[in-house]
Amino acid sequence: MSELAGELAALGGVAAPATATARLRDVLLAALRHGSGELDKPRSGYGAPVEVAIAAADGMLLAATPAAAAFRADPEAAGERTWLLVAATLAALVELAEPGPPAGAGDLQVRAGDLGGFLLVGLPGNAGPEDLAELAPLAFDDHAARLDRLRARAVAIPGRLLEGNQLREPIGPHHPLRIAEAVARLGGRPEEPRSVEQHEEAVLALLQAEARTVRPHEDPDPARRIARRILQRLDGMGKWGGYHTDFAHLARGFAGNERALAQSVGEALLGAGLLAEKPSVGQRHVFLNPRRAADIRRLIDEGSPPPGMRFPSA
């Protein structure tokens, strides 16, 4: 039993008295620091599980995670395993809140905040203390149990420990948190990349209302048109580091000779640094390079490649 779980058990769990708030908050932050350190290791939580804390407060279901609070603005602030843990946590909140399928992009409700430097995520919803104590660990385990090289668990805590924190929308209409919420509410598993891929078309259609009006498929140059379409699709699915995709999938949606050209264009995008690779997943996976966001937007919107980039011939 971890110190957080042990303190909670000794003090009455979710019903712990208000006099224990300061002590429990200190223990919670220590648990998040432990989890953050564990997530930097090749195998996380094998000595003591990585913990997230779930509570109901201020009309929200909230979860404190060991990810950096900066993730709200910068998806690159979380490594792959850290992000998948956050995705599993958000999926558990969706399961507990039961908001139903989203009616549109404006119906996505995930919010994020800062709890002592750690990422706090929330969805509108409520739950009684007894229900939360029973259901939160089960919902979390259903999503997190199969995460590779990670042992993690959720602990239900008194809402007082998380209330009063300012929660705001993730920055960017295609932030991975918004994609994860959409996938979960559409019945998918946002912590499983394969499930995210399966729901890609539905998520892109959902976010279409917020999509820019740029139409790369009208570009007269074949290679440049393909490059713009690839980048626009990856942007639409929030693949800026939190999510990534198999390099072979870059040719999805292209037919005939364009499929081979799309593979060559993908190599050119990697060579120009607009795409980056995830070398640790066993396959060749890529994502949009956040450090080249301005160049990526310029190519999508205007068809202007960065200096020195050459497109393959059709």
C-alpha atoms as a PDB file:
ATOM      1  CA  MET A   1       0.000   0.000   0.000  1.00  0.00           C
ATOM      2  CA  SER A   2       1.371   3.429  -0.954  1.00  0.00           C
ATOM      3  CA  GLU A   3       1.584   6.275   1.515  1.00  0.00           C
ATOM      4  CA  LEU A   4      -1.357   8.011  -0.200  1.00  0.00           C
ATOM      5  CA  ALA A   5      -3.576   4.934  -0.085  1.00  0.00           C
ATOM      6  CA  GLY A   6      -2.434   4.198   3.457  1.00  0.00           C
ATOM      7  CA  GLU A   7      -3.159   7.714   4.731  1.00  0.00           C
ATOM      8  CA  LEU A   8      -6.580   7.669   3.099  1.00  0.00           C
ATOM      9  CA  ALA A   9      -7.440   4.281   4.569  1.00  0.00           C
ATOM     10  CA  ALA A  10      -6.399   5.433   8.032  1.00  0.00           C
ATOM     11  CA  LEU A  11      -8.430   8.636   7.787  1.00  0.00           C
ATOM     12  CA  GLY A  12     -11.660   7.256   6.345  1.00  0.00           C
ATOM     13  CA  GLY A  13     -10.972   7.350   2.600  1.00  0.00           C
ATOM     14  CA  VAL A  14     -13.115   9.753   0.573  1.00  0.00           C
ATOM     15  CA  ALA A  15     -14.867  10.712   3.821  1.00  0.00           C
ATOM     16  CA  ALA A  16     -11.625  11.842   5.517  1.00  0.00           C
ATOM     17  CA  PRO A  17     -12.219  14.836   7.814  1.00  0.00           C
ATOM     18  CA  ALA A  18     -11.481  18.398   6.727  1.00  0.00           C
ATOM     19  CA  THR A  19      -8.762  18.626   9.379  1.00  0.00           C
ATOM     20  CA  ALA A  20      -6.718  16.154   7.335  1.00  0.00           C
ATOM     21  CA  THR A  21      -6.831  18.224   4.123  1.00  0.00           C
ATOM     22  CA  ALA A  22      -3.384  19.831   4.382  1.00  0.00           C
ATOM     23  CA  ARG A  23      -1.709  16.541   5.281  1.00  0.00           C
ATOM     24  CA  LEU A  24      -3.435  14.635   2.472  1.00  0.00           C
ATOM     25  CA  ARG A  25      -2.594  17.310  -0.079  1.00  0.00           C
ATOM     26  CA  ASP A  26       1.095  17.021   0.832  1.00  0.00           C
ATOM     27  CA  VAL A  27       0.914  13.233   0.524  1.00  0.00           C
ATOM     28  CA  LEU A  28      -0.885  13.557  -2.824  1.00  0.00           C
ATOM     29  CA  LEU A  29       1.800  15.830  -4.262  1.00  0.00           C
ATOM     30  CA  ALA A  30       4.474  13.429  -3.028  1.00  0.00           C
ATOM     31  CA  ALA A  31       2.669  10.574  -4.802  1.00  0.00           C
ATOM     32  CA  LEU A  32       2.534  12.593  -8.030  1.00  0.00           C
ATOM     33  CA  ARG A  33       6.252  13.369  -7.767  1.00  0.00           C
ATOM     34  CA  HIS A  34       6.925   9.658  -7.307  1.00  0.00           C
ATOM     35  CA  GLY A  35       4.799   8.863 -10.357  1.00  0.00           C
ATOM     36  CA  SER A  36       6.539  11.489 -12.463  1.00  0.00           C
ATOM     37  CA  GLY A  37       9.917   9.991 -11.624  1.00  0.00           C
ATOM     38  CA  GLU A  38       8.675   6.478 -12.347  1.00  0.00           C
ATOM     39  CA  LEU A  39       7.381   7.455 -15.764  1.00  0.00           C
ATOM     40  CA  ASP A  40      10.897   8.438 -16.817  1.00  0.00           C
ATOM     41  CA  LYS A  41      12.073   4.857 -16.249  1.00  0.00           C
ATOM     42  CA  PRO A  42      11.967   1.995 -18.788  1.00  0.00           C
ATOM     43  CA  ARG A  43       9.463   0.210 -16.494  1.00  0.00           C
ATOM     44  CA  SER A  44       7.188   2.311 -14.329  1.00  0.00           C
ATOM     45  CA  GLY A  45       5.431   1.512 -11.071  1.00  0.00           C
ATOM     46  CA  TYR A  46       6.933  -1.915 -10.437  1.00  0.00           C
ATOM     47  CA  GLY A  47       8.150  -0.980  -6.943  1.00  0.00           C
ATOM     48  CA  ALA A  48       5.083   1.052  -6.033  1.00  0.00           C
ATOM     49  CA  PRO A  49       2.298   1.755  -8.547  1.00  0.00           C
ATOM     50  CA  VAL A  50       2.076   5.096 -10.318  1.00  0.00           C
ATOM     51  CA  GLU A  51      -1.030   6.751  -8.883  1.00  0.00           C
ATOM     52  CA  VAL A  52      -3.655   9.156 -10.130  1.00  0.00           C
ATOM     53  CA  ALA A  53      -6.184  10.691  -7.764  1.00  0.00           C
ATOM     54  CA  ILE A  54      -9.849  11.109  -8.710  1.00  0.00           C
ATOM     55  CA  ALA A  55     -12.356  13.327  -6.923  1.00  0.00           C
ATOM     56  CA  ALA A  56     -15.685  15.111  -7.386  1.00  0.00           C
ATOM     57  CA  ALA A  57     -15.643  18.860  -6.693  1.00  0.00           C
ATOM     58  CA  ASP A  58     -17.156  22.075  -8.038  1.00  0.00           C
ATOM     59  CA  GLY A  59     -19.553  20.149 -10.300  1.00  0.00           C
ATOM     60  CA  MET A  60     -16.627  18.385 -11.980  1.00  0.00           C
ATOM     61  CA  LEU A  61     -15.050  14.969 -11.917  1.00  0.00           C
ATOM     62  CA  LEU A  62     -11.358  15.702 -11.493  1.00  0.00           C
ATOM     63  CA  ALA A  63      -8.174  13.691 -11.772  1.00  0.00           C
ATOM     64  CA  ALA A  64      -4.704  14.678 -10.600  1.00  0.00           C
ATOM     65  CA  THR A  65      -2.039  13.034 -12.760  1.00  0.00           C
ATOM     66  CA  PRO A  66       1.768  12.847 -12.622  1.00  0.00           C
ATOM     67  CA  ALA A  67       2.038  14.559 -16.026  1.00  0.00           C
ATOM     68  CA  ALA A  68       3.393  18.102 -16.165  1.00  0.00           C
ATOM     69  CA  ALA A  69       0.790  20.867 -16.053  1.00  0.00           C
ATOM     70  CA  ALA A  70       2.508  22.366 -19.116  1.00  0.00           C
ATOM     71  CA  PHE A  71       0.896  19.607 -21.199  1.00  0.00           C
ATOM     72  CA  ARG A  72      -2.238  21.771 -21.455  1.00  0.00           C
ATOM     73  CA  ALA A  73      -0.306  24.112 -23.748  1.00  0.00           C
ATOM     74  CA  ASP A  74       2.450  21.842 -25.049  1.00  0.00           C
ATOM     75  CA  PRO A  75       1.699  18.190 -25.933  1.00  0.00           C
ATOM     76  CA  GLU A  76       5.442  17.539 -26.105  1.00  0.00           C
ATOM     77  CA  ALA A  77       5.608  18.097 -22.321  1.00  0.00           C
ATOM     78  CA  ALA A  78       4.554  14.457 -21.808  1.00  0.00           C
ATOM     79  CA  GLY A  79       6.404  11.371 -22.976  1.00  0.00           C
ATOM     80  CA  GLU A  80       4.565   8.552 -24.681  1.00  0.00           C
ATOM     81  CA  ARG A  81       3.804   6.460 -21.586  1.00  0.00           C
ATOM     82  CA  THR A  82       2.862   9.539 -19.574  1.00  0.00           C
ATOM     83  CA  TRP A  83       0.420  10.609 -22.266  1.00  0.00           C
ATOM     84  CA  LEU A  84      -1.192   7.183 -22.505  1.00  0.00           C
ATOM     85  CA  LEU A  85      -1.660   7.232 -18.717  1.00  0.00           C
ATOM     86  CA  VAL A  86      -3.391  10.624 -19.031  1.00  0.00           C
ATOM     87  CA  ALA A  87      -5.546   9.285 -21.888  1.00  0.00           C
ATOM     88  CA  ALA A  88      -6.574   6.291 -19.761  1.00  0.00           C
ATOM     89  CA  THR A  89      -7.406   8.639 -16.888  1.00  0.00           C
ATOM     90  CA  LEU A  90      -9.568  10.839 -19.096  1.00  0.00           C
ATOM     91  CA  ALA A  91     -11.322   7.746 -20.463  1.00  0.00           C
ATOM     92  CA  ALA A  92     -12.128   6.738 -16.880  1.00  0.00           C
ATOM     93  CA  LEU A  93     -13.615  10.192 -16.221  1.00  0.00           C
ATOM     94  CA  VAL A  94     -15.784   9.841 -19.342  1.00  0.00           C
ATOM     95  CA  GLU A  95     -16.950   6.448 -18.097  1.00  0.00           C
ATOM     96  CA  LEU A  96     -17.840   7.921 -14.692  1.00  0.00           C
ATOM     97  CA  ALA A  97     -19.481  11.106 -16.039  1.00  0.00           C
ATOM     98  CA  GLU A  98     -21.429   9.366 -18.850  1.00  0.00           C
ATOM     99  CA  PRO A  99     -21.784  12.484 -21.041  1.00  0.00           C
ATOM    100  CA  GLY A 100     -22.836  10.510 -24.125  1.00  0.00           C
ATOM    101  CA  PRO A 101     -21.544  11.003 -27.680  1.00  0.00           C
ATOM    102  CA  PRO A 102     -20.571  14.606 -28.471  1.00  0.00           C
ATOM    103  CA  ALA A 103     -22.970  16.545 -30.671  1.00  0.00           C
ATOM    104  CA  GLY A 104     -20.132  18.555 -32.189  1.00  0.00           C
ATOM    105  CA  ALA A 105     -16.720  20.018 -31.514  1.00  0.00           C
ATOM    106  CA  GLY A 106     -18.262  22.626 -29.225  1.00  0.00           C
ATOM    107  CA  ASP A 107     -19.642  19.846 -27.025  1.00  0.00           C
ATOM    108  CA  LEU A 108     -16.180  18.628 -25.981  1.00  0.00           C
ATOM    109  CA  GLN A 109     -15.841  19.540 -22.320  1.00  0.00           C
ATOM    110  CA  VAL A 110     -12.403  18.472 -21.084  1.00  0.00           C
ATOM    111  CA  ARG A 111     -10.613  21.087 -19.029  1.00  0.00           C
ATOM    112  CA  ALA A 112      -7.103  21.182 -17.608  1.00  0.00           C
ATOM    113  CA  GLY A 113      -5.390  22.932 -14.738  1.00  0.00           C
ATOM    114  CA  ASP A 114      -2.274  23.089 -12.591  1.00  0.00           C
ATOM    115  CA  LEU A 115      -1.977  21.301  -9.262  1.00  0.00           C
ATOM    116  CA  GLY A 116       1.437  22.074  -7.868  1.00  0.00           C
ATOM    117  CA  GLY A 117       3.002  21.755 -11.312  1.00  0.00           C
ATOM    118  CA  PHE A 118       1.069  18.589 -12.200  1.00  0.00           C
ATOM    119  CA  LEU A 119      -1.704  18.191 -14.753  1.00  0.00           C
ATOM    120  CA  LEU A 120      -5.240  18.288 -13.415  1.00  0.00           C
ATOM    121  CA  VAL A 121      -7.947  17.172 -15.863  1.00  0.00           C
ATOM    122  CA  GLY A 122     -11.697  17.422 -15.431  1.00  0.00           C
ATOM    123  CA  LEU A 123     -15.082  16.829 -17.003  1.00  0.00           C
ATOM    124  CA  PRO A 124     -18.484  18.102 -15.848  1.00  0.00           C
ATOM    125  CA  GLY A 125     -20.108  15.499 -13.646  1.00  0.00           C
ATOM    126  CA  ASN A 126     -20.652  14.388 -10.101  1.00  0.00           C
ATOM    127  CA  ALA A 127     -20.552  11.274  -7.966  1.00  0.00           C
ATOM    128  CA  GLY A 128     -21.251  10.478  -4.362  1.00  0.00           C
ATOM    129  CA  PRO A 129     -18.272   9.585  -2.155  1.00  0.00           C
ATOM    130  CA  GLU A 130     -19.210   5.915  -1.854  1.00  0.00           C
ATOM    131  CA  ASP A 131     -19.825   5.516  -5.591  1.00  0.00           C
ATOM    132  CA  LEU A 132     -16.573   7.288  -6.403  1.00  0.00           C
ATOM    133  CA  ALA A 133     -14.565   5.129  -3.999  1.00  0.00           C
ATOM    134  CA  GLU A 134     -15.944   1.985  -5.607  1.00  0.00           C
ATOM    135  CA  LEU A 135     -16.182   2.917  -9.280  1.00  0.00           C
ATOM    136  CA  ALA A 136     -13.226   5.225  -9.938  1.00  0.00           C
ATOM    137  CA  PRO A 137     -10.508   2.565  -9.411  1.00  0.00           C
ATOM    138  CA  LEU A 138     -12.478   0.075 -11.533  1.00  0.00           C
ATOM    139  CA  ALA A 139     -13.011   2.514 -14.401  1.00  0.00           C
ATOM    140  CA  PHE A 140      -9.355   3.521 -14.366  1.00  0.00           C
ATOM    141  CA  ASP A 141      -8.094  -0.061 -14.216  1.00  0.00           C
ATOM    142  CA  ASP A 142     -10.266  -0.996 -17.190  1.00  0.00           C
ATOM    143  CA  HIS A 143      -8.311   1.498 -19.296  1.00  0.00           C
ATOM    144  CA  ALA A 144      -4.858   1.504 -17.713  1.00  0.00           C
ATOM    145  CA  ALA A 145      -4.301  -2.183 -16.930  1.00  0.00           C
ATOM    146  CA  ARG A 146      -2.930  -2.991 -20.397  1.00  0.00           C
ATOM    147  CA  LEU A 147      -0.553  -0.051 -20.757  1.00  0.00           C
ATOM    148  CA  ASP A 148       2.885  -1.392 -21.656  1.00  0.00           C
ATOM    149  CA  ARG A 149       5.518  -1.544 -18.887  1.00  0.00           C
ATOM    150  CA  LEU A 150       3.347   0.402 -16.479  1.00  0.00           C
ATOM    151  CA  ARG A 151       1.653  -0.490 -13.237  1.00  0.00           C
ATOM    152  CA  ALA A 152      -0.771   2.204 -12.162  1.00  0.00           C
ATOM    153  CA  ARG A 153      -3.897   2.647 -10.095  1.00  0.00           C
ATOM    154  CA  ALA A 154      -6.449   5.302  -9.235  1.00  0.00           C
ATOM    155  CA  VAL A 155      -7.263   6.412  -5.711  1.00  0.00           C
ATOM    156  CA  ALA A 156     -10.516   8.211  -4.876  1.00  0.00           C
ATOM    157  CA  ILE A 157      -9.832  11.241  -2.670  1.00  0.00           C
ATOM    158  CA  PRO A 158     -11.944  13.912  -0.930  1.00  0.00           C
ATOM    159  CA  GLY A 159     -13.013  16.649  -3.325  1.00  0.00           C
ATOM    160  CA  ARG A 160     -11.509  19.284  -1.009  1.00  0.00           C
ATOM    161  CA  LEU A 161      -8.029  18.277  -2.162  1.00  0.00           C
ATOM    162  CA  LEU A 162      -8.712  19.354  -5.747  1.00  0.00           C
ATOM    163  CA  GLU A 163     -11.379  22.048  -5.508  1.00  0.00           C
ATOM    164  CA  GLY A 164     -10.660  25.685  -6.218  1.00  0.00           C
ATOM    165  CA  ASN A 165      -8.161  25.095  -9.026  1.00  0.00           C
ATOM    166  CA  GLN A 166      -8.692  27.084 -12.221  1.00  0.00           C
ATOM    167  CA  LEU A 167      -9.557  24.813 -15.134  1.00  0.00           C
ATOM    168  CA  ARG A 168      -9.323  25.981 -18.733  1.00  0.00           C
ATOM    169  CA  GLU A 169      -9.656  24.515 -22.205  1.00  0.00           C
ATOM    170  CA  PRO A 170      -6.574  22.816 -23.648  1.00  0.00           C
ATOM    171  CA  ILE A 171      -4.813  25.150 -26.024  1.00  0.00           C
ATOM    172  CA  GLY A 172      -5.631  24.330 -29.630  1.00  0.00           C
ATOM    173  CA  PRO A 173      -8.807  22.872 -31.170  1.00  0.00           C
ATOM    174  CA  HIS A 174      -7.016  19.573 -31.915  1.00  0.00           C
ATOM    175  CA  HIS A 175      -5.169  19.160 -28.630  1.00  0.00           C
ATOM    176  CA  PRO A 176      -4.661  15.461 -27.732  1.00  0.00           C
ATOM    177  CA  LEU A 177      -6.885  15.890 -24.665  1.00  0.00           C
ATOM    178  CA  ARG A 178      -9.778  16.898 -26.911  1.00  0.00           C
ATOM    179  CA  ILE A 179      -9.070  14.013 -29.274  1.00  0.00           C
ATOM    180  CA  ALA A 180      -8.970  11.590 -26.335  1.00  0.00           C
ATOM    181  CA  GLU A 181     -12.301  12.845 -25.004  1.00  0.00           C
ATOM    182  CA  ALA A 182     -13.882  12.533 -28.453  1.00  0.00           C
ATOM    183  CA  VAL A 183     -12.579   8.983 -28.915  1.00  0.00           C
ATOM    184  CA  ALA A 184     -13.802   7.925 -25.457  1.00  0.00           C
ATOM    185  CA  ARG A 185     -17.237   9.459 -25.936  1.00  0.00           C
ATOM    186  CA  LEU A 186     -17.542   7.740 -29.320  1.00  0.00           C
ATOM    187  CA  GLY A 187     -16.987   4.408 -27.597  1.00  0.00           C
ATOM    188  CA  GLY A 188     -13.259   4.037 -28.259  1.00  0.00           C
ATOM    189  CA  ARG A 189     -10.252   3.604 -26.016  1.00  0.00           C
ATOM    190  CA  PRO A 190      -8.022   6.700 -26.278  1.00  0.00           C
ATOM    191  CA  GLU A 191      -5.160   4.932 -24.484  1.00  0.00           C
ATOM    192  CA  GLU A 192      -4.930   2.404 -27.338  1.00  0.00           C
ATOM    193  CA  PRO A 193      -3.441   3.852 -30.559  1.00  0.00           C
ATOM    194  CA  ARG A 194      -5.214   1.211 -32.659  1.00  0.00           C
ATOM    195  CA  SER A 195      -8.596   2.277 -31.277  1.00  0.00           C
ATOM    196  CA  VAL A 196      -7.749   5.917 -31.987  1.00  0.00           C
ATOM    197  CA  GLU A 197      -6.949   4.998 -35.589  1.00  0.00           C
ATOM    198  CA  GLN A 198     -10.262   3.134 -35.892  1.00  0.00           C
ATOM    199  CA  HIS A 199     -12.181   6.241 -34.791  1.00  0.00           C
ATOM    200  CA  GLU A 200     -10.149   8.668 -36.884  1.00  0.00           C
ATOM    201  CA  GLU A 201     -12.799   9.354 -39.525  1.00  0.00           C
ATOM    202  CA  ALA A 202     -15.512   9.944 -36.911  1.00  0.00           C
ATOM    203  CA  VAL A 203     -13.288  12.298 -34.911  1.00  0.00           C
ATOM    204  CA  LEU A 204     -12.262  14.268 -37.996  1.00  0.00           C
ATOM    205  CA  ALA A 205     -15.940  14.629 -38.967  1.00  0.00           C
ATOM    206  CA  LEU A 206     -16.760  15.766 -35.429  1.00  0.00           C
ATOM    207  CA  LEU A 207     -14.085  18.445 -35.479  1.00  0.00           C
ATOM    208  CA  GLN A 208     -14.943  19.598 -38.986  1.00  0.00           C
ATOM    209  CA  ALA A 209     -16.925  22.551 -37.653  1.00  0.00           C
ATOM    210  CA  GLU A 210     -13.713  23.999 -36.206  1.00  0.00           C
ATOM    211  CA  ALA A 211     -11.519  23.024 -39.134  1.00  0.00           C
ATOM    212  CA  ARG A 212      -9.884  25.737 -41.166  1.00  0.00           C
ATOM    213  CA  THR A 213     -11.388  26.453 -44.570  1.00  0.00           C
ATOM    214  CA  VAL A 214      -8.107  25.741 -46.376  1.00  0.00           C
ATOM    215  CA  ARG A 215      -8.548  23.130 -49.133  1.00  0.00           C
ATOM    216  CA  PRO A 216      -5.131  21.555 -49.844  1.00  0.00           C
ATOM    217  CA  HIS A 217      -6.630  19.003 -52.222  1.00  0.00           C
ATOM    218  CA  GLU A 218      -7.050  21.834 -54.786  1.00  0.00           C
ATOM    219  CA  ASP A 219      -3.273  22.449 -54.945  1.00  0.00           C
ATOM    220  CA  PRO A 220      -2.172  21.849 -58.572  1.00  0.00           C
ATOM    221  CA  ASP A 221       1.219  20.369 -57.641  1.00  0.00           C
ATOM    222  CA  PRO A 222       0.740  16.635 -56.859  1.00  0.00           C
ATOM    223  CA  ALA A 223       3.495  16.216 -54.260  1.00  0.00           C
ATOM    224  CA  ARG A 224       2.768  19.502 -52.519  1.00  0.00           C
ATOM    225  CA  ARG A 225      -0.950  18.680 -52.492  1.00  0.00           C
ATOM    226  CA  ILE A 226      -0.227  15.343 -50.837  1.00  0.00           C
ATOM    227  CA  ALA A 227       2.116  16.949 -48.296  1.00  0.00           C
ATOM    228  CA  ARG A 228      -0.534  19.499 -47.322  1.00  0.00           C
ATOM    229  CA  ARG A 229      -3.225  16.827 -47.017  1.00  0.00           C
ATOM    230  CA  ILE A 230      -0.992  14.609 -44.856  1.00  0.00           C
ATOM    231  CA  LEU A 231      -0.130  17.475 -42.529  1.00  0.00           C
ATOM    232  CA  GLN A 232      -3.743  18.657 -42.347  1.00  0.00           C
ATOM    233  CA  ARG A 233      -4.950  15.183 -41.406  1.00  0.00           C
ATOM    234  CA  LEU A 234      -2.305  14.720 -38.719  1.00  0.00           C
ATOM    235  CA  ASP A 235      -3.125  18.172 -37.339  1.00  0.00           C
ATOM    236  CA  GLY A 236      -6.828  17.313 -37.318  1.00  0.00           C
ATOM    237  CA  MET A 237      -6.125  14.267 -35.134  1.00  0.00           C
ATOM    238  CA  GLY A 238      -3.902  16.175 -32.721  1.00  0.00           C
ATOM    239  CA  LYS A 239      -0.780  14.197 -33.596  1.00  0.00           C
ATOM    240  CA  TRP A 240       1.702  16.663 -32.164  1.00  0.00           C
ATOM    241  CA  GLY A 241       3.501  14.221 -29.870  1.00  0.00           C
ATOM    242  CA  GLY A 242       0.731  12.967 -27.617  1.00  0.00           C
ATOM    243  CA  TYR A 243      -0.560  10.803 -30.434  1.00  0.00           C
ATOM    244  CA  HIS A 244       1.464   9.455 -33.336  1.00  0.00           C
ATOM    245  CA  THR A 245       0.778   7.275 -36.353  1.00  0.00           C
ATOM    246  CA  ASP A 246       2.416   4.441 -38.261  1.00  0.00           C
ATOM    247  CA  PHE A 247       4.462   5.873 -41.123  1.00  0.00           C
ATOM    248  CA  ALA A 248       2.697   3.493 -43.496  1.00  0.00           C
ATOM    249  CA  HIS A 249      -0.609   5.174 -42.650  1.00  0.00           C
ATOM    250  CA  LEU A 250       0.510   8.442 -44.238  1.00  0.00           C
ATOM    251  CA  ALA A 251      -0.644   7.003 -47.570  1.00  0.00           C
ATOM    252  CA  ARG A 252      -4.167   6.406 -46.228  1.00  0.00           C
ATOM    253  CA  GLY A 253      -6.783   8.051 -48.419  1.00  0.00           C
ATOM    254  CA  PHE A 254      -4.591   8.069 -51.530  1.00  0.00           C
ATOM    255  CA  ALA A 255      -5.087   5.666 -54.421  1.00  0.00           C
ATOM    256  CA  GLY A 256      -3.076   4.306 -57.318  1.00  0.00           C
ATOM    257  CA  ASN A 257       0.223   6.032 -58.055  1.00  0.00           C
ATOM    258  CA  GLU A 258      -0.482   8.609 -55.352  1.00  0.00           C
ATOM    259  CA  ARG A 259       0.108   5.991 -52.642  1.00  0.00           C
ATOM    260  CA  ALA A 260       3.749   5.546 -53.610  1.00  0.00           C
ATOM    261  CA  LEU A 261       4.141   9.297 -53.976  1.00  0.00           C
ATOM    262  CA  ALA A 262       2.648   9.779 -50.495  1.00  0.00           C
ATOM    263  CA  GLN A 263       5.338   7.516 -49.017  1.00  0.00           C
ATOM    264  CA  SER A 264       8.021   9.587 -50.748  1.00  0.00           C
ATOM    265  CA  VAL A 265       6.400  12.801 -49.558  1.00  0.00           C
ATOM    266  CA  GLY A 266       6.395  11.411 -46.016  1.00  0.00           C
ATOM    267  CA  GLU A 267      10.155  10.867 -46.273  1.00  0.00           C
ATOM    268  CA  ALA A 268      10.547  14.443 -47.487  1.00  0.00           C
ATOM    269  CA  LEU A 269       8.517  15.763 -44.553  1.00  0.00           C
ATOM    270  CA  LEU A 270      10.731  13.784 -42.175  1.00  0.00           C
ATOM    271  CA  GLY A 271      13.866  15.041 -43.907  1.00  0.00           C
ATOM    272  CA  ALA A 272      12.657  18.638 -43.594  1.00  0.00           C
ATOM    273  CA  GLY A 273      11.957  18.147 -39.876  1.00  0.00           C
ATOM    274  CA  LEU A 274       8.222  18.812 -40.149  1.00  0.00           C
ATOM    275  CA  LEU A 275       7.595  15.263 -38.974  1.00  0.00           C
ATOM    276  CA  ALA A 276       9.513  13.543 -36.190  1.00  0.00           C
ATOM    277  CA  GLU A 277       9.848   9.836 -35.408  1.00  0.00           C
ATOM    278  CA  LYS A 278       8.982   7.805 -32.312  1.00  0.00           C
ATOM    279  CA  PRO A 279      11.810   5.250 -32.255  1.00  0.00           C
ATOM    280  CA  SER A 280      10.617   3.399 -29.152  1.00  0.00           C
ATOM    281  CA  VAL A 281       7.395   1.812 -30.380  1.00  0.00           C
ATOM    282  CA  GLY A 282       8.946  -1.058 -32.340  1.00  0.00           C
ATOM    283  CA  GLN A 283       7.479   0.250 -35.599  1.00  0.00           C
ATOM    284  CA  ARG A 284       8.143   3.408 -37.518  1.00  0.00           C
ATOM    285  CA  HIS A 285       5.756   5.953 -36.053  1.00  0.00           C
ATOM    286  CA  VAL A 286       5.708   9.688 -36.767  1.00  0.00           C
ATOM    287  CA  PHE A 287       4.127  12.837 -35.382  1.00  0.00           C
ATOM    288  CA  LEU A 288       4.049  16.552 -36.162  1.00  0.00           C
ATOM    289  CA  ASN A 289       7.089  18.370 -34.823  1.00  0.00           C
ATOM    290  CA  PRO A 290       5.795  21.011 -32.360  1.00  0.00           C
ATOM    291  CA  ARG A 291       8.975  23.040 -32.805  1.00  0.00           C
ATOM    292  CA  ARG A 292       8.117  23.477 -36.482  1.00  0.00           C
ATOM    293  CA  ALA A 293       4.481  24.436 -35.953  1.00  0.00           C
ATOM    294  CA  ALA A 294       4.808  27.729 -37.852  1.00  0.00           C
ATOM    295  CA  ASP A 295       6.330  26.011 -40.894  1.00  0.00           C
ATOM    296  CA  ILE A 296       3.684  23.289 -40.776  1.00  0.00           C
ATOM    297  CA  ARG A 297       0.831  25.828 -40.639  1.00  0.00           C
ATOM    298  CA  ARG A 298       2.363  27.818 -43.479  1.00  0.00           C
ATOM    299  CA  LEU A 299       2.618  24.755 -45.701  1.00  0.00           C
ATOM    300  CA  ILE A 300      -0.954  23.652 -44.920  1.00  0.00           C
ATOM    301  CA  ASP A 301      -2.482  27.114 -45.336  1.00  0.00           C
ATOM    302  CA  GLU A 302      -0.395  28.661 -48.090  1.00  0.00           C
ATOM    303  CA  GLY A 303       1.426  25.778 -49.748  1.00  0.00           C
ATOM    304  CA  SER A 304       4.757  27.407 -48.845  1.00  0.00           C
ATOM    305  CA  PRO A 305       7.413  24.837 -47.903  1.00  0.00           C
ATOM    306  CA  PRO A 306      10.267  25.765 -45.562  1.00  0.00           C
ATOM    307  CA  PRO A 307      13.530  26.874 -47.228  1.00  0.00           C
ATOM    308  CA  GLY A 308      15.508  23.988 -48.649  1.00  0.00           C
ATOM    309  CA  MET A 309      12.659  21.475 -48.664  1.00  0.00           C
ATOM    310  CA  ARG A 310      12.285  19.602 -51.945  1.00  0.00           C
ATOM    311  CA  PHE A 311       9.224  17.608 -52.971  1.00  0.00           C
ATOM    312  CA  PRO A 312       9.657  14.343 -54.863  1.00  0.00           C
ATOM    313  CA  SER A 313       8.556  14.357 -58.464  1.00  0.00           C
ATOM    314  CA  ALA A 314       5.233  12.750 -59.314  1.00  0.00           C
END
